[in-house]
């Protein structure tokens, strides 16, 4: 706003200088020159915010050396030239690259991250300095809501960027609040229909998800794992499917360090579902936690042929079986 105001001041001053010059007397001529110089100074100041640092001096010089009234035209032309956008020079053949505004960049990053299924690309974005890109990456992590994403979010609480720390803290609080509300709603449903296996299963799933999310400390984690065990057992008694719920019950026992209970469930599931890769994957994890590596290698070699190509269970079993062969 200051530039146009100064221009409005310089215009009448220059007009007054021309009017004084028409008088012809020495006094009026001196006054005309003084007013003309003042108008030129004001006009030069009006160009200080124009594009290009040389324009204020150009405008001042043109309006000073050109006869009053005619100088007004020169000053106006200088002002108009100063206001024009200056083209950026680039080598011949080089494509023009438009600068992307922060919101557009954040949206682009968010869309690209939504198409990714792994955490690693998100972590790469979190290393950038752009706060909007970090916000988009944190939102992507929040959609996963698993232990790996929570681990990354908790690490961001110590990020050098204050924006990243704030976004991560708010996201973790929001996730915990969301899970808490879902647990309360599922608990009310289970209390209204205690014999409904689906209601029990839903509540047990939420307990297990919360316990394994990484949001809880050890004591709280064990509490929700114990609650998950109780609800899965209640769901099984109410007639829920044994395969899925038995597998998740074994996962809860394993989280509590109850390896014998987990192994017993998985042995039974393995006999009933010998080709289920999830059963064998968790069974290998149980043997590993027990610390019997020889048994783990033997088991991996025995089940390797039953597992589908490309599955995580086959990849892990192949690794252990290879270790067994290499150590033989």
Protein backbone atom coordinates (compact mmCIF):
# COMPACT_ATOMS: atom_id res chain seq x y z
CA UNK A 1 0.00 0.00 0.00
CA UNK A 2 2.88 2.45 0.66
CA UNK A 3 3.96 2.60 -3.01
CA UNK A 4 0.62 3.79 -4.42
CA UNK A 5 0.26 6.34 -1.59
CA UNK A 6 3.65 7.83 -2.35
CA UNK A 7 2.74 7.93 -6.03
CA UNK A 8 -0.43 9.87 -5.20
CA UNK A 9 1.75 12.38 -3.33
CA UNK A 10 4.32 12.72 -6.11
CA UNK A 11 1.70 13.38 -8.82
CA UNK A 12 0.31 16.65 -7.38
CA UNK A 13 3.83 17.75 -6.41
CA UNK A 14 5.02 17.36 -10.00
CA UNK A 15 1.93 19.20 -11.25
CA UNK A 16 2.63 22.03 -8.80
CA UNK A 17 6.24 22.20 -10.04
CA UNK A 18 5.03 22.67 -13.62
CA UNK A 19 2.55 25.34 -12.56
CA UNK A 20 5.25 27.28 -10.68
CA UNK A 21 7.58 27.10 -13.66
CA UNK A 22 5.00 28.80 -15.87
CA UNK A 23 5.26 31.99 -13.76
CA UNK A 24 8.69 32.86 -15.20
CA UNK A 25 9.96 34.81 -12.17
CA UNK A 26 13.26 33.70 -10.56
CA UNK A 27 11.55 32.90 -7.27
CA UNK A 28 8.92 30.71 -8.93
CA UNK A 29 11.59 28.94 -10.99
CA UNK A 30 13.60 28.13 -7.85
CA UNK A 31 10.45 26.94 -6.09
CA UNK A 32 9.53 24.86 -9.13
CA UNK A 33 12.92 23.13 -9.13
CA UNK A 34 12.65 22.42 -5.41
CA UNK A 35 9.14 20.99 -5.70
CA UNK A 36 10.18 18.98 -8.78
CA UNK A 37 13.12 17.47 -6.88
CA UNK A 38 10.84 16.61 -3.95
CA UNK A 39 8.34 14.95 -6.30
CA UNK A 40 11.16 12.91 -7.86
CA UNK A 41 12.37 11.77 -4.44
CA UNK A 42 8.88 10.75 -3.36
CA UNK A 43 8.39 8.92 -6.62
CA UNK A 44 11.70 7.08 -6.27
CA UNK A 45 10.67 5.94 -2.80
CA UNK A 46 7.38 4.66 -4.18
CA UNK A 47 9.35 2.15 -6.28
CA UNK A 48 11.31 0.64 -3.42
CA UNK A 49 8.97 -2.40 -3.28
CA UNK A 50 8.87 -2.82 -7.06
CA UNK A 51 10.49 -5.84 -8.70
CA UNK A 52 14.16 -5.20 -9.44
CA UNK A 53 16.36 -3.18 -7.09
CA UNK A 54 17.42 -0.71 -9.81
CA UNK A 55 13.96 0.63 -10.58
CA UNK A 56 13.77 3.23 -7.77
CA UNK A 57 16.94 4.91 -9.08
CA UNK A 58 15.74 4.65 -12.69
CA UNK A 59 12.39 6.22 -11.81
CA UNK A 60 14.03 8.98 -9.78
CA UNK A 61 16.51 9.80 -12.56
CA UNK A 62 13.93 9.85 -15.36
CA UNK A 63 11.50 12.04 -13.47
CA UNK A 64 14.33 14.39 -12.38
CA UNK A 65 15.99 15.07 -15.74
CA UNK A 66 12.83 15.29 -17.85
CA UNK A 67 10.97 18.62 -18.05
CA UNK A 68 8.07 18.85 -15.55
CA UNK A 69 4.74 17.50 -16.82
CA UNK A 70 6.66 15.57 -19.48
CA UNK A 71 8.50 14.05 -16.53
CA UNK A 72 5.18 12.78 -15.28
CA UNK A 73 4.89 10.61 -18.39
CA UNK A 74 8.44 9.28 -17.95
CA UNK A 75 7.73 8.58 -14.28
CA UNK A 76 4.51 6.72 -15.13
CA UNK A 77 6.32 4.61 -17.72
CA UNK A 78 9.07 3.79 -15.24
CA UNK A 79 6.49 2.81 -12.64
CA UNK A 80 4.64 0.58 -15.10
CA UNK A 81 7.89 -1.07 -16.18
CA UNK A 82 8.83 -1.68 -12.56
CA UNK A 83 5.49 -3.36 -11.87
CA UNK A 84 5.81 -5.82 -14.75
CA UNK A 85 6.84 -9.38 -13.79
CA UNK A 86 10.44 -10.08 -14.71
CA UNK A 87 10.94 -13.19 -16.85
CA UNK A 88 13.39 -15.77 -15.55
CA UNK A 89 16.17 -16.71 -17.92
CA UNK A 90 16.81 -20.40 -18.56
CA UNK A 91 19.08 -22.16 -21.04
CA UNK A 92 17.68 -22.96 -24.46
CA UNK A 93 15.84 -26.26 -24.53
CA UNK A 94 15.45 -26.49 -20.76
CA UNK A 95 11.80 -27.06 -19.78
CA UNK A 96 10.14 -24.51 -17.55
CA UNK A 97 9.77 -25.71 -13.98
CA UNK A 98 7.00 -24.10 -11.96
CA UNK A 99 7.47 -23.78 -8.26
CA UNK A 100 5.00 -25.94 -6.36
CA UNK A 101 3.16 -24.31 -3.51
CA UNK A 102 3.34 -26.08 -0.10
CA UNK A 103 -0.30 -27.22 -0.02
CA UNK A 104 -0.11 -28.74 -3.50
CA UNK A 105 3.12 -30.49 -2.58
CA UNK A 106 1.60 -31.86 0.62
CA UNK A 107 -1.41 -33.17 -1.26
CA UNK A 108 0.81 -34.80 -3.89
CA UNK A 109 2.93 -36.45 -1.22
CA UNK A 110 -0.15 -37.62 0.65
CA UNK A 111 -1.65 -39.20 -2.47
CA UNK A 112 1.60 -40.94 -3.35
CA UNK A 113 1.96 -42.27 0.19
CA UNK A 114 -1.59 -43.59 0.17
CA UNK A 115 -0.57 -45.77 -2.74
CA UNK A 116 2.34 -47.27 -0.78
CA UNK A 117 1.86 -50.34 1.39
CA UNK A 118 5.15 -50.20 3.29
CA UNK A 119 6.46 -47.90 6.00
CA UNK A 120 9.89 -47.35 4.40
CA UNK A 121 8.74 -44.80 1.75
CA UNK A 122 6.95 -42.87 4.48
CA UNK A 123 10.09 -42.81 6.62
CA UNK A 124 12.02 -41.40 3.65
CA UNK A 125 9.58 -38.48 3.43
CA UNK A 126 9.91 -37.88 7.17
CA UNK A 127 13.61 -37.12 6.64
CA UNK A 128 12.70 -34.07 4.54
CA UNK A 129 12.64 -30.56 5.99
CA UNK A 130 9.21 -29.68 4.56
CA UNK A 131 6.66 -29.56 7.44
CA UNK A 132 3.72 -30.15 5.09
CA UNK A 133 5.38 -33.25 3.64
CA UNK A 134 5.98 -34.54 7.16
CA UNK A 135 2.34 -33.90 8.05
CA UNK A 136 1.20 -35.92 5.04
CA UNK A 137 3.55 -38.77 5.98
CA UNK A 138 2.27 -38.77 9.57
CA UNK A 139 -1.32 -38.94 8.32
CA UNK A 140 -0.35 -41.93 6.19
CA UNK A 141 1.16 -43.66 9.22
CA UNK A 142 -2.00 -42.98 11.21
CA UNK A 143 -4.06 -44.88 8.64
CA UNK A 144 -1.99 -48.03 9.22
CA UNK A 145 -2.52 -48.03 12.99
CA UNK A 146 -0.13 -50.94 13.52
CA UNK A 147 2.87 -51.40 15.78
CA UNK A 148 5.41 -50.46 13.11
CA UNK A 149 3.64 -47.18 12.33
CA UNK A 150 3.21 -46.40 16.03
CA UNK A 151 6.92 -47.03 16.59
CA UNK A 152 7.80 -44.48 13.90
CA UNK A 153 5.33 -41.95 15.33
CA UNK A 154 6.77 -42.33 18.83
CA UNK A 155 10.24 -41.77 17.40
CA UNK A 156 9.02 -38.51 15.88
CA UNK A 157 8.35 -37.17 19.38
CA UNK A 158 12.12 -36.49 19.45
CA UNK A 159 12.35 -35.09 15.91
CA UNK A 160 14.33 -31.83 15.52
CA UNK A 161 11.34 -30.24 13.79
CA UNK A 162 8.79 -28.76 16.25
CA UNK A 163 6.05 -29.22 13.62
CA UNK A 164 6.85 -32.94 13.33
CA UNK A 165 6.82 -33.35 17.11
CA UNK A 166 3.47 -31.59 17.33
CA UNK A 167 1.89 -33.58 14.48
CA UNK A 168 3.18 -36.87 15.91
CA UNK A 169 1.95 -36.07 19.43
CA UNK A 170 -1.51 -35.07 18.21
CA UNK A 171 -1.73 -38.15 15.97
CA UNK A 172 -0.77 -40.55 18.78
CA UNK A 173 -3.33 -38.94 21.10
CA UNK A 174 -5.97 -39.18 18.40
CA UNK A 175 -5.22 -42.84 17.71
CA UNK A 176 -5.37 -43.74 21.37
CA UNK A 177 -8.64 -41.86 21.73
CA UNK A 178 -10.10 -43.62 18.68
CA UNK A 179 -9.17 -47.10 19.94
CA UNK A 180 -10.47 -46.26 23.41
CA UNK A 181 -13.85 -45.20 22.03
CA UNK A 182 -14.07 -48.34 19.89
CA UNK A 183 -13.29 -50.52 22.92
CA UNK A 184 -16.00 -48.82 24.98
CA UNK A 185 -18.56 -49.30 22.21
CA UNK A 186 -17.58 -52.97 21.73
CA UNK A 187 -17.71 -53.57 25.48
CA UNK A 188 -21.26 -52.20 25.64
CA UNK A 189 -22.27 -54.47 22.75
CA UNK A 190 -20.74 -57.50 24.49
CA UNK A 191 -22.52 -56.64 27.76
CA UNK A 192 -25.85 -56.35 25.96
CA UNK A 193 -25.36 -59.69 24.18
CA UNK A 194 -22.95 -61.79 26.28
CA UNK A 195 -23.69 -64.96 24.27
CA UNK A 196 -23.07 -63.32 20.89
CA UNK A 197 -19.76 -64.72 19.57
CA UNK A 198 -19.34 -61.87 17.08
CA UNK A 199 -19.58 -59.25 19.86
CA UNK A 200 -17.03 -61.12 21.97
CA UNK A 201 -14.73 -61.55 19.01
CA UNK A 202 -14.89 -57.85 18.14
CA UNK A 203 -14.02 -56.84 21.71
CA UNK A 204 -11.16 -59.35 21.85
CA UNK A 205 -9.76 -58.06 18.55
CA UNK A 206 -9.72 -54.51 19.87
CA UNK A 207 -8.03 -55.55 23.11
CA UNK A 208 -5.36 -57.40 21.15
CA UNK A 209 -4.87 -54.53 18.69
CA UNK A 210 -4.49 -52.03 21.52
CA UNK A 211 -2.07 -54.27 23.40
CA UNK A 212 0.17 -54.85 20.36
CA UNK A 213 -0.08 -51.30 19.00
CA UNK A 214 2.94 -49.96 20.85
CA UNK A 215 0.86 -47.27 22.54
CA UNK A 216 0.99 -48.92 25.99
CA UNK A 217 3.65 -49.52 28.61
CA UNK A 218 4.38 -53.06 29.80
CA UNK A 219 1.85 -53.32 32.64
CA UNK A 220 -1.02 -51.85 30.61
CA UNK A 221 -0.03 -53.98 27.62
CA UNK A 222 -0.18 -57.18 29.68
CA UNK A 223 -3.54 -56.16 31.12
CA UNK A 224 -5.13 -55.82 27.69
CA UNK A 225 -3.49 -59.03 26.48
CA UNK A 226 -5.07 -60.83 29.43
CA UNK A 227 -8.43 -59.25 28.63
CA UNK A 228 -8.04 -60.37 25.00
CA UNK A 229 -7.39 -63.95 26.13
CA UNK A 230 -10.54 -63.93 28.25
CA UNK A 231 -12.68 -62.56 25.44
CA UNK A 232 -11.33 -64.99 22.82
CA UNK A 233 -12.04 -67.88 25.17
CA UNK A 234 -15.56 -66.52 25.74
CA UNK A 235 -16.06 -66.17 21.97
CA UNK A 236 -14.93 -69.78 21.43
CA UNK A 237 -17.31 -71.01 24.13
CA UNK A 238 -20.11 -69.03 22.45
CA UNK A 239 -19.44 -70.81 19.15
CA UNK A 240 -17.05 -68.50 17.29
CA UNK A 241 -14.83 -69.98 14.57
CA UNK A 242 -11.94 -71.86 16.11
CA UNK A 243 -9.35 -71.24 13.41
CA UNK A 244 -9.12 -67.46 13.45
CA UNK A 245 -9.89 -67.00 17.14
CA UNK A 246 -7.59 -69.82 18.21
CA UNK A 247 -4.76 -68.22 16.22
CA UNK A 248 -5.35 -64.83 17.82
CA UNK A 249 -5.64 -66.38 21.26
CA UNK A 250 -2.24 -68.01 20.68
CA UNK A 251 -0.87 -64.59 19.68
CA UNK A 252 -2.15 -63.09 22.95
CA UNK A 253 -0.60 -65.91 25.01
CA UNK A 254 2.68 -65.46 23.16
CA UNK A 255 2.61 -61.72 23.94
CA UNK A 256 2.23 -62.56 27.63
CA UNK A 257 5.18 -64.94 27.46
CA UNK A 258 2.93 -67.96 27.96
CA UNK A 259 4.76 -70.07 25.40
CA UNK A 260 3.36 -73.42 26.52
CA UNK A 261 -0.27 -72.28 26.10
CA UNK A 262 0.51 -70.74 22.70
CA UNK A 263 2.35 -73.88 21.54
CA UNK A 264 -0.53 -76.14 22.62
CA UNK A 265 -3.06 -74.11 20.65
CA UNK A 266 -0.83 -73.96 17.58
CA UNK A 267 -0.13 -77.69 17.65
CA UNK A 268 -3.85 -78.34 17.60
CA UNK A 269 -4.44 -75.80 14.84
CA UNK A 270 -1.55 -77.25 12.85
CA UNK A 271 -3.19 -80.67 12.85
CA UNK A 272 -6.52 -79.22 11.78
CA UNK A 273 -5.12 -76.76 9.22
CA UNK A 274 -1.80 -78.18 8.00
CA UNK A 275 -1.58 -75.82 5.02
CA UNK A 276 -2.39 -72.55 6.82
CA UNK A 277 0.69 -70.29 6.52
CA UNK A 278 -0.42 -68.11 9.47
CA UNK A 279 -0.38 -71.11 11.78
CA UNK A 280 3.13 -72.09 10.72
CA UNK A 281 4.39 -68.51 10.88
CA UNK A 282 3.22 -68.08 14.46
CA UNK A 283 4.45 -71.57 15.32
CA UNK A 284 7.96 -70.65 14.17
CA UNK A 285 7.77 -67.45 16.20
CA UNK A 286 6.76 -69.48 19.26
CA UNK A 287 9.66 -71.91 18.85
CA UNK A 288 12.05 -68.99 18.38
CA UNK A 289 10.79 -67.32 21.58
CA UNK A 290 11.27 -70.62 23.40
CA UNK A 291 14.90 -70.51 22.25
CA UNK A 292 15.13 -73.94 20.62
CA UNK A 293 16.85 -73.05 17.34
CA UNK A 294 17.55 -76.67 16.42
CA UNK A 295 13.84 -77.46 16.67
CA UNK A 296 13.05 -74.30 14.70
CA UNK A 297 15.29 -75.37 11.82
CA UNK A 298 13.82 -78.86 11.84
CA UNK A 299 10.27 -77.51 11.84
CA UNK A 300 11.02 -75.03 9.04
CA UNK A 301 12.45 -77.78 6.84
CA UNK A 302 9.41 -79.99 7.52
CA UNK A 303 6.73 -77.40 6.62
CA UNK A 304 8.51 -75.56 3.82
CA UNK A 305 6.84 -77.57 1.04
CA UNK A 306 3.35 -76.83 2.43
CA UNK A 307 3.65 -73.08 2.30
CA UNK A 308 2.53 -71.04 -0.73
CA UNK A 309 5.10 -69.32 -2.90
CA UNK A 310 5.64 -65.66 -2.06
CA UNK A 311 4.15 -65.87 1.43
CA UNK A 312 5.96 -64.40 4.42
CA UNK A 313 5.80 -67.79 6.15
CA UNK A 314 7.55 -69.53 3.23
CA UNK A 315 10.23 -66.86 3.07
CA UNK A 316 10.95 -67.23 6.79
CA UNK A 317 10.80 -71.04 6.68
CA UNK A 318 13.14 -71.06 3.68
CA UNK A 319 15.61 -68.91 5.55
CA UNK A 320 15.62 -71.17 8.61
CA UNK A 321 15.72 -74.30 6.45
CA UNK A 322 18.70 -72.87 4.61
CA UNK A 323 20.40 -72.14 7.89
CA UNK A 324 19.79 -75.74 8.91
CA UNK A 325 21.29 -77.07 5.70
CA UNK A 326 24.25 -74.66 5.93
CA UNK A 327 24.94 -75.70 9.50
CA UNK A 328 24.68 -79.42 8.80
